Amino acid sequence: MKLPLLVLPLLLGEAVYADSQTTYQQKCMACHDNGVAGAPKMSDRGAWTARLAERGIEGMYTSALKGRKAMPPKGACFDCSDEQIKRVVDFMVKGN
């Protein structure tokens, strides 16, 4: 189920949501808005659902932290903490 963006701050907490949104916009959007090199687009609910079914949320975290296919570890956000990366994954998954 796709959630309206107005509901996400309630689910994630406003500060976490704002941080995740900012990190997404600064570090992830270039690939995940356009599907660069096979990255799941932020707006592609089917792509996220399939990945979750295949790997589960912990597998999604591992993929984001260690890299997968063309995506480098942490999506090349080397100044991001592991927790920050996990929150951005949650932001992208829950937004779809």
Protein backbone atom coordinates (compact mmCIF):
# COMPACT_ATOMS: atom_id res chain seq x y z
CA MET A 1 0.00 0.00 0.00
CA LYS A 2 1.42 3.37 -0.97
CA LEU A 3 1.25 5.84 1.91
CA PRO A 4 0.68 9.53 1.38
CA LEU A 5 3.85 11.49 2.12
CA LEU A 6 1.94 13.42 4.79
CA VAL A 7 1.55 10.19 6.81
CA LEU A 8 5.25 9.26 6.77
CA PRO A 9 6.32 11.77 9.45
CA LEU A 10 3.82 10.17 11.81
CA LEU A 11 5.20 6.70 11.16
CA LEU A 12 8.87 7.62 11.26
CA GLY A 13 8.83 10.50 13.72
CA GLU A 14 9.19 14.03 12.42
CA ALA A 15 12.91 14.48 13.12
CA VAL A 16 13.81 11.08 11.69
CA TYR A 17 11.60 11.72 8.67
CA ALA A 18 13.20 15.13 8.02
CA ASP A 19 16.71 13.69 8.35
CA SER A 20 15.86 10.74 6.09
CA GLN A 21 14.25 12.99 3.49
CA THR A 22 17.27 15.31 3.48
CA THR A 23 19.70 12.41 3.20
CA TYR A 24 17.64 10.91 0.38
CA GLN A 25 17.58 14.21 -1.50
CA GLN A 26 21.30 14.84 -1.03
CA LYS A 27 22.71 11.34 -1.39
CA CYS A 28 20.23 8.90 -2.95
CA MET A 29 17.90 10.80 -5.23
CA ALA A 30 20.28 11.03 -8.18
CA CYS A 31 20.01 7.28 -8.74
CA HIS A 32 16.72 6.34 -7.07
CA ASP A 33 14.57 8.99 -8.74
CA ASN A 34 15.68 7.93 -12.22
CA GLY A 35 16.53 4.23 -11.87
CA VAL A 36 20.20 4.73 -12.71
CA ALA A 37 22.01 1.40 -13.24
CA GLY A 38 18.95 -0.57 -12.15
CA ALA A 39 18.36 1.25 -8.87
CA PRO A 40 14.73 0.86 -7.80
CA LYS A 41 12.96 4.14 -8.42
CA MET A 42 11.52 5.79 -5.34
CA SER A 43 8.10 5.80 -7.05
CA ASP A 44 8.17 2.15 -8.21
CA ARG A 45 6.13 0.31 -5.60
CA GLY A 46 6.45 -3.00 -7.44
CA ALA A 47 10.25 -2.89 -7.42
CA TRP A 48 10.37 -2.27 -3.67
CA THR A 49 7.74 -4.93 -2.94
CA ALA A 50 9.69 -7.51 -4.95
CA ARG A 51 12.94 -6.67 -3.19
CA LEU A 52 11.30 -6.87 0.23
CA ALA A 53 9.73 -10.23 -0.63
CA GLU A 54 13.10 -11.55 -1.81
CA ARG A 55 15.37 -10.19 0.94
CA GLY A 56 13.23 -8.84 3.78
CA ILE A 57 14.04 -5.55 5.47
CA GLU A 58 17.26 -6.86 7.03
CA GLY A 59 18.44 -7.94 3.59
CA MET A 60 17.57 -4.50 2.25
CA TYR A 61 19.69 -2.94 5.01
CA THR A 62 22.58 -5.28 4.16
CA SER A 63 22.33 -4.40 0.46
CA ALA A 64 22.39 -0.69 1.26
CA LEU A 65 25.25 -0.96 3.74
CA LYS A 66 27.48 -3.34 1.78
CA GLY A 67 26.44 -2.38 -1.74
CA ARG A 68 24.71 -4.43 -4.39
CA LYS A 69 25.36 -4.71 -8.11
CA ALA A 70 26.20 -1.18 -9.36
CA MET A 71 25.50 0.49 -5.98
CA PRO A 72 28.61 1.00 -3.87
CA PRO A 73 28.51 0.46 -0.09
CA LYS A 74 26.24 3.00 1.56
CA GLY A 75 25.44 4.34 -1.90
CA ALA A 76 28.80 6.15 -1.61
CA CYS A 77 27.49 8.13 1.38
CA PHE A 78 30.60 7.44 3.41
CA ASP A 79 29.78 10.14 5.96
CA CYS A 80 26.42 8.46 6.72
CA SER A 81 26.15 6.23 9.77
CA ASP A 82 24.77 2.72 9.45
CA GLU A 83 21.64 3.83 11.31
CA GLN A 84 21.18 6.77 8.95
CA ILE A 85 21.39 4.42 5.95
CA LYS A 86 18.82 2.09 7.54
CA ARG A 87 16.46 5.02 8.15
CA VAL A 88 16.76 6.10 4.51
CA VAL A 89 15.95 2.55 3.42
CA ASP A 90 12.87 2.70 5.66
CA PHE A 91 11.99 6.08 4.15
CA MET A 92 12.21 4.70 0.61
CA VAL A 93 10.36 1.46 1.40
CA LYS A 94 7.55 3.09 3.39
CA GLY A 95 7.12 5.76 0.73
CA ASN A 96 6.05 3.07 -1.72
